[in-house]
């Protein structure tokens, strides 16, 4: 386990915990998902996936397999977020956070990928 991986996992874990929890009821998230054309259950599902991803990458500090799975979930979630921004014809500036999180999730996945084999 490298220091880089630990730092990324802590940052991603705390960030995704926060991002996931606010999806459960923050008015901005409710309005945002309506704007994107998604039903309310999908917002809750997305929040749950983000909380699980957070738990996996944080637990992955002690278990590389969990870190790899958490990184994979983050990558998949951010691909979905980027496609959502493309679907609504959002600006590239609006896509920067999902792009950065995709890259960081991919780094965590690649650092810990060997544990999946």
PDB file of N, CA and C in Angstrom:
ATOM      1  N   UNK A   1       0.856  -1.186   0.000  1.00  0.00           N
ATOM      2  CA  UNK A   1       0.000   0.000   0.000  1.00  0.00           C
ATOM      3  C   UNK A   1       0.892   1.236   0.000  1.00  0.00           C
ATOM      4  N   UNK A   2       0.701   2.071  -0.976  1.00  0.00           N
ATOM      5  CA  UNK A   2       1.513   3.278  -1.067  1.00  0.00           C
ATOM      6  C   UNK A   2       0.831   4.435  -0.352  1.00  0.00           C
ATOM      7  N   UNK A   3       1.634   5.416   0.011  1.00  0.00           N
ATOM      8  CA  UNK A   3       1.098   6.617   0.650  1.00  0.00           C
ATOM      9  C   UNK A   3       0.117   7.307  -0.295  1.00  0.00           C
ATOM     10  N   UNK A   4       0.438   7.339  -1.589  1.00  0.00           N
ATOM     11  CA  UNK A   4      -0.461   7.942  -2.578  1.00  0.00           C
ATOM     12  C   UNK A   4      -1.828   7.276  -2.544  1.00  0.00           C
ATOM     13  N   UNK A   5      -1.847   5.967  -2.525  1.00  0.00           N
ATOM     14  CA  UNK A   5      -3.114   5.241  -2.513  1.00  0.00           C
ATOM     15  C   UNK A   5      -3.906   5.544  -1.244  1.00  0.00           C
ATOM     16  N   UNK A   6      -3.233   5.567  -0.105  1.00  0.00           N
ATOM     17  CA  UNK A   6      -3.925   5.848   1.159  1.00  0.00           C
ATOM     18  C   UNK A   6      -4.531   7.246   1.142  1.00  0.00           C
ATOM     19  N   UNK A   7      -3.758   8.226   0.704  1.00  0.00           N
ATOM     20  CA  UNK A   7      -4.252   9.609   0.657  1.00  0.00           C
ATOM     21  C   UNK A   7      -5.455   9.697  -0.288  1.00  0.00           C
ATOM     22  N   UNK A   8      -5.347   9.098  -1.475  1.00  0.00           N
ATOM     23  CA  UNK A   8      -6.461   9.127  -2.426  1.00  0.00           C
ATOM     24  C   UNK A   8      -7.691   8.425  -1.855  1.00  0.00           C
ATOM     25  N   UNK A   9      -7.475   7.305  -1.187  1.00  0.00           N
ATOM     26  CA  UNK A   9      -8.605   6.566  -0.635  1.00  0.00           C
ATOM     27  C   UNK A   9      -9.300   7.357   0.468  1.00  0.00           C
ATOM     28  N   UNK A  10      -8.544   8.023   1.307  1.00  0.00           N
ATOM     29  CA  UNK A  10      -9.158   8.836   2.354  1.00  0.00           C
ATOM     30  C   UNK A  10      -9.943   9.986   1.726  1.00  0.00           C
ATOM     31  N   UNK A  11      -9.333  10.692   0.762  1.00  0.00           N
ATOM     32  CA  UNK A  11     -10.011  11.814   0.116  1.00  0.00           C
ATOM     33  C   UNK A  11     -11.266  11.360  -0.626  1.00  0.00           C
ATOM     34  N   UNK A  12     -11.134  10.313  -1.418  1.00  0.00           N
ATOM     35  CA  UNK A  12     -12.294   9.806  -2.152  1.00  0.00           C
ATOM     36  C   UNK A  12     -13.358   9.273  -1.202  1.00  0.00           C
ATOM     37  N   UNK A  13     -12.925   8.566  -0.176  1.00  0.00           N
ATOM     38  CA  UNK A  13     -13.878   8.011   0.778  1.00  0.00           C
ATOM     39  C   UNK A  13     -14.685   9.085   1.478  1.00  0.00           C
ATOM     40  N   UNK A  14     -14.009  10.098   1.992  1.00  0.00           N
ATOM     41  CA  UNK A  14     -14.723  11.180   2.672  1.00  0.00           C
ATOM     42  C   UNK A  14     -15.596  11.972   1.693  1.00  0.00           C
ATOM     43  N   UNK A  15     -15.064  12.237   0.505  1.00  0.00           N
ATOM     44  CA  UNK A  15     -15.833  12.966  -0.505  1.00  0.00           C
ATOM     45  C   UNK A  15     -17.077  12.201  -0.925  1.00  0.00           C
ATOM     46  N   UNK A  16     -16.925  10.920  -1.226  1.00  0.00           N
ATOM     47  CA  UNK A  16     -18.074  10.140  -1.665  1.00  0.00           C
ATOM     48  C   UNK A  16     -19.065   9.887  -0.547  1.00  0.00           C
ATOM     49  N   UNK A  17     -18.599   9.825   0.685  1.00  0.00           N
ATOM     50  CA  UNK A  17     -19.524   9.722   1.807  1.00  0.00           C
ATOM     51  C   UNK A  17     -20.399  10.973   1.852  1.00  0.00           C
ATOM     52  N   UNK A  18     -19.769  12.130   1.736  1.00  0.00           N
ATOM     53  CA  UNK A  18     -20.514  13.385   1.742  1.00  0.00           C
ATOM     54  C   UNK A  18     -21.447  13.470   0.526  1.00  0.00           C
ATOM     55  N   UNK A  19     -20.918  13.188  -0.677  1.00  0.00           N
ATOM     56  CA  UNK A  19     -21.733  13.263  -1.897  1.00  0.00           C
ATOM     57  C   UNK A  19     -22.925  12.305  -1.813  1.00  0.00           C
ATOM     58  N   UNK A  20     -22.673  11.113  -1.299  1.00  0.00           N
ATOM     59  CA  UNK A  20     -23.743  10.119  -1.202  1.00  0.00           C
ATOM     60  C   UNK A  20     -24.822  10.522  -0.211  1.00  0.00           C
ATOM     61  N   UNK A  21     -24.413  11.003   0.948  1.00  0.00           N
ATOM     62  CA  UNK A  21     -25.391  11.359   1.980  1.00  0.00           C
ATOM     63  C   UNK A  21     -26.273  12.531   1.565  1.00  0.00           C
ATOM     64  N   UNK A  22     -25.715  13.502   0.861  1.00  0.00           N
ATOM     65  CA  UNK A  22     -26.545  14.646   0.472  1.00  0.00           C
ATOM     66  C   UNK A  22     -27.579  14.273  -0.582  1.00  0.00           C
ATOM     67  N   UNK A  23     -27.367  13.172  -1.275  1.00  0.00           N
ATOM     68  CA  UNK A  23     -28.344  12.746  -2.283  1.00  0.00           C
ATOM     69  C   UNK A  23     -29.617  12.209  -1.645  1.00  0.00           C
ATOM     70  N   UNK A  24     -29.596  11.904  -0.368  1.00  0.00           N
ATOM     71  CA  UNK A  24     -30.772  11.332   0.286  1.00  0.00           C
ATOM     72  C   UNK A  24     -31.856  12.360   0.588  1.00  0.00           C
ATOM     73  N   UNK A  25     -31.586  13.650   0.428  1.00  0.00           N
ATOM     74  CA  UNK A  25     -32.667  14.565   0.707  1.00  0.00           C
ATOM     75  C   UNK A  25     -32.396  16.035   0.492  1.00  0.00           C
ATOM     76  N   UNK A  26     -31.180  16.408   0.181  1.00  0.00           N
ATOM     77  CA  UNK A  26     -30.880  17.821  -0.046  1.00  0.00           C
ATOM     78  C   UNK A  26     -31.705  18.326  -1.233  1.00  0.00           C
ATOM     79  N   UNK A  27     -32.396  19.428  -1.047  1.00  0.00           N
ATOM     80  CA  UNK A  27     -33.289  19.958  -2.085  1.00  0.00           C
ATOM     81  C   UNK A  27     -32.564  20.168  -3.413  1.00  0.00           C
ATOM     82  N   UNK A  28     -31.322  20.639  -3.369  1.00  0.00           N
ATOM     83  CA  UNK A  28     -30.563  20.843  -4.611  1.00  0.00           C
ATOM     84  C   UNK A  28     -30.406  19.533  -5.380  1.00  0.00           C
ATOM     85  N   UNK A  29     -30.181  18.440  -4.655  1.00  0.00           N
ATOM     86  CA  UNK A  29     -30.021  17.139  -5.318  1.00  0.00           C
ATOM     87  C   UNK A  29     -31.345  16.662  -5.892  1.00  0.00           C
ATOM     88  N   UNK A  30     -32.425  16.852  -5.144  1.00  0.00           N
ATOM     89  CA  UNK A  30     -33.753  16.472  -5.635  1.00  0.00           C
ATOM     90  C   UNK A  30     -34.048  17.223  -6.932  1.00  0.00           C
ATOM     91  N   UNK A  31     -33.826  18.538  -6.908  1.00  0.00           N
ATOM     92  CA  UNK A  31     -34.067  19.361  -8.104  1.00  0.00           C
ATOM     93  C   UNK A  31     -33.114  18.994  -9.240  1.00  0.00           C
ATOM     94  N   UNK A  32     -31.856  18.723  -8.897  1.00  0.00           N
ATOM     95  CA  UNK A  32     -30.864  18.370  -9.911  1.00  0.00           C
ATOM     96  C   UNK A  32     -31.226  17.090 -10.651  1.00  0.00           C
ATOM     97  N   UNK A  33     -31.627  16.070  -9.925  1.00  0.00           N
ATOM     98  CA  UNK A  33     -31.980  14.801 -10.565  1.00  0.00           C
ATOM     99  C   UNK A  33     -33.241  14.949 -11.412  1.00  0.00           C
ATOM    100  N   UNK A  34     -34.168  15.820 -10.974  1.00  0.00           N
ATOM    101  CA  UNK A  34     -35.347  16.104 -11.815  1.00  0.00           C
ATOM    102  C   UNK A  34     -34.896  16.784 -13.110  1.00  0.00           C
ATOM    103  N   UNK A  35     -33.974  17.730 -12.984  1.00  0.00           N
ATOM    104  CA  UNK A  35     -33.438  18.435 -14.157  1.00  0.00           C
ATOM    105  C   UNK A  35     -32.767  17.461 -15.124  1.00  0.00           C
ATOM    106  N   UNK A  36     -32.077  16.463 -14.570  1.00  0.00           N
ATOM    107  CA  UNK A  36     -31.405  15.468 -15.409  1.00  0.00           C
ATOM    108  C   UNK A  36     -32.387  14.478 -16.038  1.00  0.00           C
ATOM    109  N   UNK A  37     -33.640  14.501 -15.545  1.00  0.00           N
ATOM    110  CA  UNK A  37     -34.643  13.592 -16.092  1.00  0.00           C
ATOM    111  C   UNK A  37     -34.687  12.237 -15.417  1.00  0.00           C
ATOM    112  N   UNK A  38     -34.147  12.140 -14.203  1.00  0.00           N
ATOM    113  CA  UNK A  38     -34.124  10.873 -13.480  1.00  0.00           C
ATOM    114  C   UNK A  38     -35.175  10.844 -12.379  1.00  0.00           C
ATOM    115  N   UNK A  39     -35.739   9.676 -12.091  1.00  0.00           N
ATOM    116  CA  UNK A  39     -36.728   9.566 -11.019  1.00  0.00           C
ATOM    117  C   UNK A  39     -36.065   9.631  -9.637  1.00  0.00           C
ATOM    118  N   UNK A  40     -36.875   9.892  -8.625  1.00  0.00           N
ATOM    119  CA  UNK A  40     -36.374  10.024  -7.262  1.00  0.00           C
ATOM    120  C   UNK A  40     -35.641   8.785  -6.760  1.00  0.00           C
ATOM    121  N   UNK A  41     -36.118   7.598  -7.123  1.00  0.00           N
ATOM    122  CA  UNK A  41     -35.471   6.375  -6.646  1.00  0.00           C
ATOM    123  C   UNK A  41     -34.034   6.279  -7.163  1.00  0.00           C
ATOM    124  N   UNK A  42     -33.769   6.842  -8.355  1.00  0.00           N
ATOM    125  CA  UNK A  42     -32.421   6.763  -8.918  1.00  0.00           C
ATOM    126  C   UNK A  42     -31.457   7.651  -8.132  1.00  0.00           C
ATOM    127  N   UNK A  43     -31.955   8.776  -7.628  1.00  0.00           N
ATOM    128  CA  UNK A  43     -31.133   9.655  -6.777  1.00  0.00           C
ATOM    129  C   UNK A  43     -30.745   8.915  -5.497  1.00  0.00           C
ATOM    130  N   UNK A  44     -31.701   8.225  -4.891  1.00  0.00           N
ATOM    131  CA  UNK A  44     -31.426   7.465  -3.674  1.00  0.00           C
ATOM    132  C   UNK A  44     -30.464   6.312  -3.974  1.00  0.00           C
ATOM    133  N   UNK A  45     -30.688   5.619  -5.087  1.00  0.00           N
ATOM    134  CA  UNK A  45     -29.798   4.529  -5.496  1.00  0.00           C
ATOM    135  C   UNK A  45     -28.373   5.036  -5.699  1.00  0.00           C
ATOM    136  N   UNK A  46     -28.242   6.169  -6.392  1.00  0.00           N
ATOM    137  CA  UNK A  46     -26.924   6.757  -6.635  1.00  0.00           C
ATOM    138  C   UNK A  46     -26.250   7.124  -5.322  1.00  0.00           C
ATOM    139  N   UNK A  47     -27.008   7.713  -4.395  1.00  0.00           N
ATOM    140  CA  UNK A  47     -26.462   8.042  -3.082  1.00  0.00           C
ATOM    141  C   UNK A  47     -25.986   6.799  -2.349  1.00  0.00           C
ATOM    142  N   UNK A  48     -26.761   5.725  -2.427  1.00  0.00           N
ATOM    143  CA  UNK A  48     -26.375   4.466  -1.777  1.00  0.00           C
ATOM    144  C   UNK A  48     -25.096   3.900  -2.387  1.00  0.00           C
ATOM    145  N   UNK A  49     -24.995   3.920  -3.712  1.00  0.00           N
ATOM    146  CA  UNK A  49     -23.782   3.436  -4.384  1.00  0.00           C
ATOM    147  C   UNK A  49     -22.576   4.272  -3.957  1.00  0.00           C
ATOM    148  N   UNK A  50     -22.757   5.579  -3.826  1.00  0.00           N
ATOM    149  CA  UNK A  50     -21.641   6.439  -3.424  1.00  0.00           C
ATOM    150  C   UNK A  50     -21.226   6.191  -1.987  1.00  0.00           C
ATOM    151  N   UNK A  51     -22.184   5.951  -1.093  1.00  0.00           N
ATOM    152  CA  UNK A  51     -21.842   5.638   0.305  1.00  0.00           C
ATOM    153  C   UNK A  51     -21.120   4.293   0.383  1.00  0.00           C
ATOM    154  N   UNK A  52     -21.590   3.307  -0.370  1.00  0.00           N
ATOM    155  CA  UNK A  52     -20.918   1.997  -0.399  1.00  0.00           C
ATOM    156  C   UNK A  52     -19.511   2.137  -0.974  1.00  0.00           C
ATOM    157  N   UNK A  53     -19.365   2.924  -2.043  1.00  0.00           N
ATOM    158  CA  UNK A  53     -18.041   3.164  -2.626  1.00  0.00           C
ATOM    159  C   UNK A  53     -17.108   3.795  -1.600  1.00  0.00           C
ATOM    160  N   UNK A  54     -17.627   4.758  -0.849  1.00  0.00           N
ATOM    161  CA  UNK A  54     -16.835   5.418   0.191  1.00  0.00           C
ATOM    162  C   UNK A  54     -16.371   4.411   1.233  1.00  0.00           C
ATOM    163  N   UNK A  55     -17.285   3.570   1.683  1.00  0.00           N
ATOM    164  CA  UNK A  55     -16.929   2.563   2.691  1.00  0.00           C
ATOM    165  C   UNK A  55     -15.871   1.599   2.149  1.00  0.00           C
ATOM    166  N   UNK A  56     -16.009   1.212   0.894  1.00  0.00           N
ATOM    167  CA  UNK A  56     -15.054   0.277   0.293  1.00  0.00           C
ATOM    168  C   UNK A  56     -13.657   0.890   0.170  1.00  0.00           C
ATOM    169  N   UNK A  57     -13.569   2.127  -0.310  1.00  0.00           N
ATOM    170  CA  UNK A  57     -12.222   2.703  -0.474  1.00  0.00           C
ATOM    171  C   UNK A  57     -11.574   3.002   0.870  1.00  0.00           C
ATOM    172  N   UNK A  58     -12.363   3.356   1.872  1.00  0.00           N
ATOM    173  CA  UNK A  58     -11.776   3.581   3.198  1.00  0.00           C
ATOM    174  C   UNK A  58     -11.350   2.253   3.815  1.00  0.00           C
ATOM    175  N   UNK A  59     -12.215   1.236   3.734  1.00  0.00           N
ATOM    176  CA  UNK A  59     -11.838  -0.098   4.236  1.00  0.00           C
ATOM    177  C   UNK A  59     -10.674  -0.660   3.437  1.00  0.00           C
ATOM    178  N   UNK A  60     -10.534  -0.188   2.193  1.00  0.00           N
ATOM    179  CA  UNK A  60      -9.451  -0.642   1.333  1.00  0.00           C
ATOM    180  C   UNK A  60      -8.073  -0.227   1.798  1.00  0.00           C
ATOM    181  N   UNK A  61      -8.000   0.676   2.757  1.00  0.00           N
ATOM    182  CA  UNK A  61      -6.708   1.016   3.348  1.00  0.00           C
ATOM    183  C   UNK A  61      -6.096  -0.236   3.976  1.00  0.00           C
ATOM    184  N   UNK A  62      -6.951  -1.122   4.485  1.00  0.00           N
ATOM    185  CA  UNK A  62      -6.484  -2.347   5.138  1.00  0.00           C
ATOM    186  C   UNK A  62      -6.680  -3.586   4.279  1.00  0.00           C
ATOM    187  N   UNK A  63      -7.440  -3.463   3.184  1.00  0.00           N
ATOM    188  CA  UNK A  63      -7.719  -4.608   2.322  1.00  0.00           C
ATOM    189  C   UNK A  63      -7.754  -4.117   0.874  1.00  0.00           C
ATOM    190  N   UNK A  64      -6.717  -4.434   0.117  1.00  0.00           N
ATOM    191  CA  UNK A  64      -6.571  -3.913  -1.243  1.00  0.00           C
ATOM    192  C   UNK A  64      -7.705  -4.331  -2.176  1.00  0.00           C
ATOM    193  N   UNK A  65      -8.286  -5.502  -1.945  1.00  0.00           N
ATOM    194  CA  UNK A  65      -9.398  -5.949  -2.785  1.00  0.00           C
ATOM    195  C   UNK A  65     -10.587  -5.001  -2.640  1.00  0.00           C
ATOM    196  N   UNK A  66     -10.867  -4.594  -1.402  1.00  0.00           N
ATOM    197  CA  UNK A  66     -11.964  -3.642  -1.188  1.00  0.00           C
ATOM    198  C   UNK A  66     -11.670  -2.304  -1.846  1.00  0.00           C
ATOM    199  N   UNK A  67     -10.416  -1.872  -1.798  1.00  0.00           N
ATOM    200  CA  UNK A  67     -10.025  -0.613  -2.452  1.00  0.00           C
ATOM    201  C   UNK A  67     -10.262  -0.709  -3.953  1.00  0.00           C
ATOM    202  N   UNK A  68      -9.894  -1.834  -4.549  1.00  0.00           N
ATOM    203  CA  UNK A  68     -10.087  -2.014  -5.990  1.00  0.00           C
ATOM    204  C   UNK A  68     -11.573  -1.978  -6.345  1.00  0.00           C
ATOM    205  N   UNK A  69     -12.402  -2.670  -5.580  1.00  0.00           N
ATOM    206  CA  UNK A  69     -13.846  -2.651  -5.836  1.00  0.00           C
ATOM    207  C   UNK A  69     -14.421  -1.246  -5.658  1.00  0.00           C
ATOM    208  N   UNK A  70     -13.992  -0.555  -4.612  1.00  0.00           N
ATOM    209  CA  UNK A  70     -14.447   0.815  -4.404  1.00  0.00           C
ATOM    210  C   UNK A  70     -14.047   1.718  -5.551  1.00  0.00           C
ATOM    211  N   UNK A  71     -12.809   1.581  -6.023  1.00  0.00           N
ATOM    212  CA  UNK A  71     -12.348   2.356  -7.173  1.00  0.00           C
ATOM    213  C   UNK A  71     -13.172   2.053  -8.411  1.00  0.00           C
ATOM    214  N   UNK A  72     -13.497   0.779  -8.613  1.00  0.00           N
ATOM    215  CA  UNK A  72     -14.316   0.383  -9.762  1.00  0.00           C
ATOM    216  C   UNK A  72     -15.705   1.001  -9.682  1.00  0.00           C
ATOM    217  N   UNK A  73     -16.326   0.972  -8.499  1.00  0.00           N
ATOM    218  CA  UNK A  73     -17.649   1.592  -8.323  1.00  0.00           C
ATOM    219  C   UNK A  73     -17.591   3.093  -8.591  1.00  0.00           C
ATOM    220  N   UNK A  74     -16.524   3.740  -8.125  1.00  0.00           N
ATOM    221  CA  UNK A  74     -16.371   5.178  -8.353  1.00  0.00           C
ATOM    222  C   UNK A  74     -16.232   5.469  -9.843  1.00  0.00           C
ATOM    223  N   UNK A  75     -15.412   4.683 -10.530  1.00  0.00           N
ATOM    224  CA  UNK A  75     -15.229   4.863 -11.969  1.00  0.00           C
ATOM    225  C   UNK A  75     -16.568   4.705 -12.690  1.00  0.00           C
ATOM    226  N   UNK A  76     -17.312   3.661 -12.374  1.00  0.00           N
ATOM    227  CA  UNK A  76     -18.601   3.421 -13.027  1.00  0.00           C
ATOM    228  C   UNK A  76     -19.583   4.558 -12.742  1.00  0.00           C
ATOM    229  N   UNK A  77     -19.624   5.014 -11.505  1.00  0.00           N
ATOM    230  CA  UNK A  77     -20.535   6.096 -11.131  1.00  0.00           C
ATOM    231  C   UNK A  77     -20.177   7.389 -11.857  1.00  0.00           C
ATOM    232  N   UNK A  78     -18.899   7.682 -11.961  1.00  0.00           N
ATOM    233  CA  UNK A  78     -18.482   8.921 -12.616  1.00  0.00           C
ATOM    234  C   UNK A  78     -18.665   8.855 -14.128  1.00  0.00           C
ATOM    235  N   UNK A  79     -18.546   7.683 -14.713  1.00  0.00           N
ATOM    236  CA  UNK A  79     -18.867   7.538 -16.141  1.00  0.00           C
ATOM    237  C   UNK A  79     -20.342   7.870 -16.348  1.00  0.00           C
ATOM    238  N   UNK A  80     -21.195   7.371 -15.465  1.00  0.00           N
ATOM    239  CA  UNK A  80     -22.619   7.700 -15.532  1.00  0.00           C
ATOM    240  C   UNK A  80     -22.867   9.190 -15.375  1.00  0.00           C
ATOM    241  N   UNK A  81     -22.149   9.821 -14.443  1.00  0.00           N
ATOM    242  CA  UNK A  81     -22.307  11.266 -14.221  1.00  0.00           C
ATOM    243  C   UNK A  81     -21.882  12.056 -15.456  1.00  0.00           C
ATOM    244  N   UNK A  82     -20.775  11.643 -16.059  1.00  0.00           N
ATOM    245  CA  UNK A  82     -20.289  12.349 -17.262  1.00  0.00           C
ATOM    246  C   UNK A  82     -21.284  12.193 -18.410  1.00  0.00           C
ATOM    247  N   UNK A  83     -21.805  10.980 -18.597  1.00  0.00           N
ATOM    248  CA  UNK A  83     -22.800  10.780 -19.655  1.00  0.00           C
ATOM    249  C   UNK A  83     -24.069  11.584 -19.393  1.00  0.00           C
ATOM    250  N   UNK A  84     -24.429  11.741 -18.124  1.00  0.00           N
ATOM    251  CA  UNK A  84     -25.591  12.568 -17.781  1.00  0.00           C
ATOM    252  C   UNK A  84     -25.350  14.013 -18.192  1.00  0.00           C
ATOM    253  N   UNK A  85     -24.168  14.541 -17.899  1.00  0.00           N
ATOM    254  CA  UNK A  85     -23.845  15.910 -18.297  1.00  0.00           C
ATOM    255  C   UNK A  85     -23.836  16.059 -19.820  1.00  0.00           C
ATOM    256  N   UNK A  86     -23.349  15.037 -20.518  1.00  0.00           N
ATOM    257  CA  UNK A  86     -23.364  15.070 -21.982  1.00  0.00           C
ATOM    258  C   UNK A  86     -24.807  15.039 -22.484  1.00  0.00           C
ATOM    259  N   UNK A  87     -25.633  14.186 -21.864  1.00  0.00           N
ATOM    260  CA  UNK A  87     -27.036  14.036 -22.270  1.00  0.00           C
ATOM    261  C   UNK A  87     -27.799  15.356 -22.208  1.00  0.00           C
ATOM    262  N   UNK A  88     -27.538  16.150 -21.167  1.00  0.00           N
ATOM    263  CA  UNK A  88     -28.264  17.417 -21.028  1.00  0.00           C
ATOM    264  C   UNK A  88     -27.512  18.575 -21.677  1.00  0.00           C
ATOM    265  N   UNK A  89     -26.452  18.226 -22.411  1.00  0.00           N
ATOM    266  CA  UNK A  89     -25.653  19.224 -23.137  1.00  0.00           C
ATOM    267  C   UNK A  89     -25.056  20.279 -22.199  1.00  0.00           C
ATOM    268  N   UNK A  90     -24.530  19.794 -21.081  1.00  0.00           N
ATOM    269  CA  UNK A  90     -23.885  20.658 -20.095  1.00  0.00           C
ATOM    270  C   UNK A  90     -22.508  21.084 -20.614  1.00  0.00           C
ATOM    271  N   UNK A  91     -21.941  22.098 -19.987  1.00  0.00           N
ATOM    272  CA  UNK A  91     -20.616  22.573 -20.384  1.00  0.00           C
ATOM    273  C   UNK A  91     -19.542  21.634 -19.843  1.00  0.00           C
ATOM    274  N   UNK A  92     -18.377  21.682 -20.468  1.00  0.00           N
ATOM    275  CA  UNK A  92     -17.249  20.887 -19.998  1.00  0.00           C
ATOM    276  C   UNK A  92     -16.878  21.305 -18.575  1.00  0.00           C
ATOM    277  N   UNK A  93     -17.011  22.589 -18.283  1.00  0.00           N
ATOM    278  CA  UNK A  93     -16.721  23.082 -16.942  1.00  0.00           C
ATOM    279  C   UNK A  93     -17.580  22.362 -15.902  1.00  0.00           C
ATOM    280  N   UNK A  94     -18.833  22.095 -16.221  1.00  0.00           N
ATOM    281  CA  UNK A  94     -19.725  21.390 -15.305  1.00  0.00           C
ATOM    282  C   UNK A  94     -19.328  19.925 -15.139  1.00  0.00           C
ATOM    283  N   UNK A  95     -18.593  19.411 -16.103  1.00  0.00           N
ATOM    284  CA  UNK A  95     -18.168  18.007 -16.053  1.00  0.00           C
ATOM    285  C   UNK A  95     -16.820  17.812 -15.359  1.00  0.00           C
ATOM    286  N   UNK A  96     -16.162  18.874 -14.993  1.00  0.00           N
ATOM    287  CA  UNK A  96     -14.800  18.748 -14.464  1.00  0.00           C
ATOM    288  C   UNK A  96     -14.725  17.930 -13.172  1.00  0.00           C
ATOM    289  N   UNK A  97     -15.655  18.137 -12.236  1.00  0.00           N
ATOM    290  CA  UNK A  97     -15.614  17.367 -10.992  1.00  0.00           C
ATOM    291  C   UNK A  97     -15.780  15.869 -11.255  1.00  0.00           C
ATOM    292  N   UNK A  98     -16.791  15.442 -12.030  1.00  0.00           N
ATOM    293  CA  UNK A  98     -16.870  14.008 -12.328  1.00  0.00           C
ATOM    294  C   UNK A  98     -15.639  13.475 -13.067  1.00  0.00           C
ATOM    295  N   UNK A  99     -15.045  14.274 -13.940  1.00  0.00           N
ATOM    296  CA  UNK A  99     -13.849  13.835 -14.669  1.00  0.00           C
ATOM    297  C   UNK A  99     -12.689  13.639 -13.704  1.00  0.00           C
ATOM    298  N   UNK A 100     -12.493  14.591 -12.799  1.00  0.00           N
ATOM    299  CA  UNK A 100     -11.412  14.480 -11.814  1.00  0.00           C
ATOM    300  C   UNK A 100     -11.639  13.276 -10.907  1.00  0.00           C
ATOM    301  N   UNK A 101     -12.877  13.092 -10.445  1.00  0.00           N
ATOM    302  CA  UNK A 101     -13.181  11.947  -9.579  1.00  0.00           C
ATOM    303  C   UNK A 101     -13.030  10.628 -10.324  1.00  0.00           C
ATOM    304  N   UNK A 102     -13.363  10.619 -11.618  1.00  0.00           N
ATOM    305  CA  UNK A 102     -13.147   9.425 -12.446  1.00  0.00           C
ATOM    306  C   UNK A 102     -11.663   9.076 -12.488  1.00  0.00           C
ATOM    307  N   UNK A 103     -10.830  10.070 -12.713  1.00  0.00           N
ATOM    308  CA  UNK A 103      -9.388   9.833 -12.796  1.00  0.00           C
ATOM    309  C   UNK A 103      -8.844   9.339 -11.452  1.00  0.00           C
ATOM    310  N   UNK A 104      -9.267   9.966 -10.349  1.00  0.00           N
ATOM    311  CA  UNK A 104      -8.793   9.542  -9.032  1.00  0.00           C
ATOM    312  C   UNK A 104      -9.274   8.136  -8.696  1.00  0.00           C
ATOM    313  N   UNK A 105     -10.520   7.826  -9.034  1.00  0.00           N
ATOM    314  CA  UNK A 105     -11.028   6.468  -8.819  1.00  0.00           C
ATOM    315  C   UNK A 105     -10.269   5.454  -9.652  1.00  0.00           C
ATOM    316  N   UNK A 106      -9.937   5.832 -10.881  1.00  0.00           N
ATOM    317  CA  UNK A 106      -9.174   4.948 -11.764  1.00  0.00           C
ATOM    318  C   UNK A 106      -7.769   4.703 -11.204  1.00  0.00           C
ATOM    319  N   UNK A 107      -7.162   5.725 -10.631  1.00  0.00           N
ATOM    320  CA  UNK A 107      -5.830   5.561 -10.025  1.00  0.00           C
ATOM    321  C   UNK A 107      -5.908   4.571  -8.867  1.00  0.00           C
ATOM    322  N   UNK A 108      -6.912   4.722  -8.002  1.00  0.00           N
ATOM    323  CA  UNK A 108      -7.068   3.786  -6.878  1.00  0.00           C
ATOM    324  C   UNK A 108      -7.305   2.375  -7.403  1.00  0.00           C
ATOM    325  N   UNK A 109      -8.133   2.249  -8.417  1.00  0.00           N
ATOM    326  CA  UNK A 109      -8.397   0.925  -9.011  1.00  0.00           C
ATOM    327  C   UNK A 109      -7.119   0.315  -9.568  1.00  0.00           C
ATOM    328  N   UNK A 110      -6.347   1.093 -10.312  1.00  0.00           N
ATOM    329  CA  UNK A 110      -5.136   0.554 -10.933  1.00  0.00           C
ATOM    330  C   UNK A 110      -4.061   0.214  -9.902  1.00  0.00           C
ATOM    331  N   UNK A 111      -3.922   1.033  -8.868  1.00  0.00           N
ATOM    332  CA  UNK A 111      -2.943   0.737  -7.820  1.00  0.00           C
ATOM    333  C   UNK A 111      -3.265  -0.585  -7.134  1.00  0.00           C
ATOM    334  N   UNK A 112      -4.544  -0.864  -6.969  1.00  0.00           N
ATOM    335  CA  UNK A 112      -4.962  -2.048  -6.212  1.00  0.00           C
ATOM    336  C   UNK A 112      -5.488  -3.178  -7.104  1.00  0.00           C
ATOM    337  N   UNK A 113      -5.362  -3.029  -8.416  1.00  0.00           N
ATOM    338  CA  UNK A 113      -5.939  -3.986  -9.356  1.00  0.00           C
ATOM    339  C   UNK A 113      -5.413  -5.403  -9.170  1.00  0.00           C
ATOM    340  N   UNK A 114      -4.149  -5.537  -8.822  1.00  0.00           N
ATOM    341  CA  UNK A 114      -3.549  -6.862  -8.664  1.00  0.00           C
ATOM    342  C   UNK A 114      -4.270  -7.736  -7.652  1.00  0.00           C
ATOM    343  N   UNK A 115      -4.930  -7.118  -6.683  1.00  0.00           N
ATOM    344  CA  UNK A 115      -5.634  -7.900  -5.655  1.00  0.00           C
ATOM    345  C   UNK A 115      -6.912  -8.525  -6.197  1.00  0.00           C
ATOM    346  N   UNK A 116      -7.383  -8.047  -7.352  1.00  0.00           N
ATOM    347  CA  UNK A 116      -8.597  -8.644  -7.953  1.00  0.00           C
ATOM    348  C   UNK A 116      -8.272  -9.915  -8.727  1.00  0.00           C
ATOM    349  N   UNK A 117      -7.016 -10.092  -9.096  1.00  0.00           N
ATOM    350  CA  UNK A 117      -6.639 -11.253  -9.925  1.00  0.00           C
ATOM    351  C   UNK A 117      -6.395 -12.482  -9.109  1.00  0.00           C
TER     352      UNK A 117
END
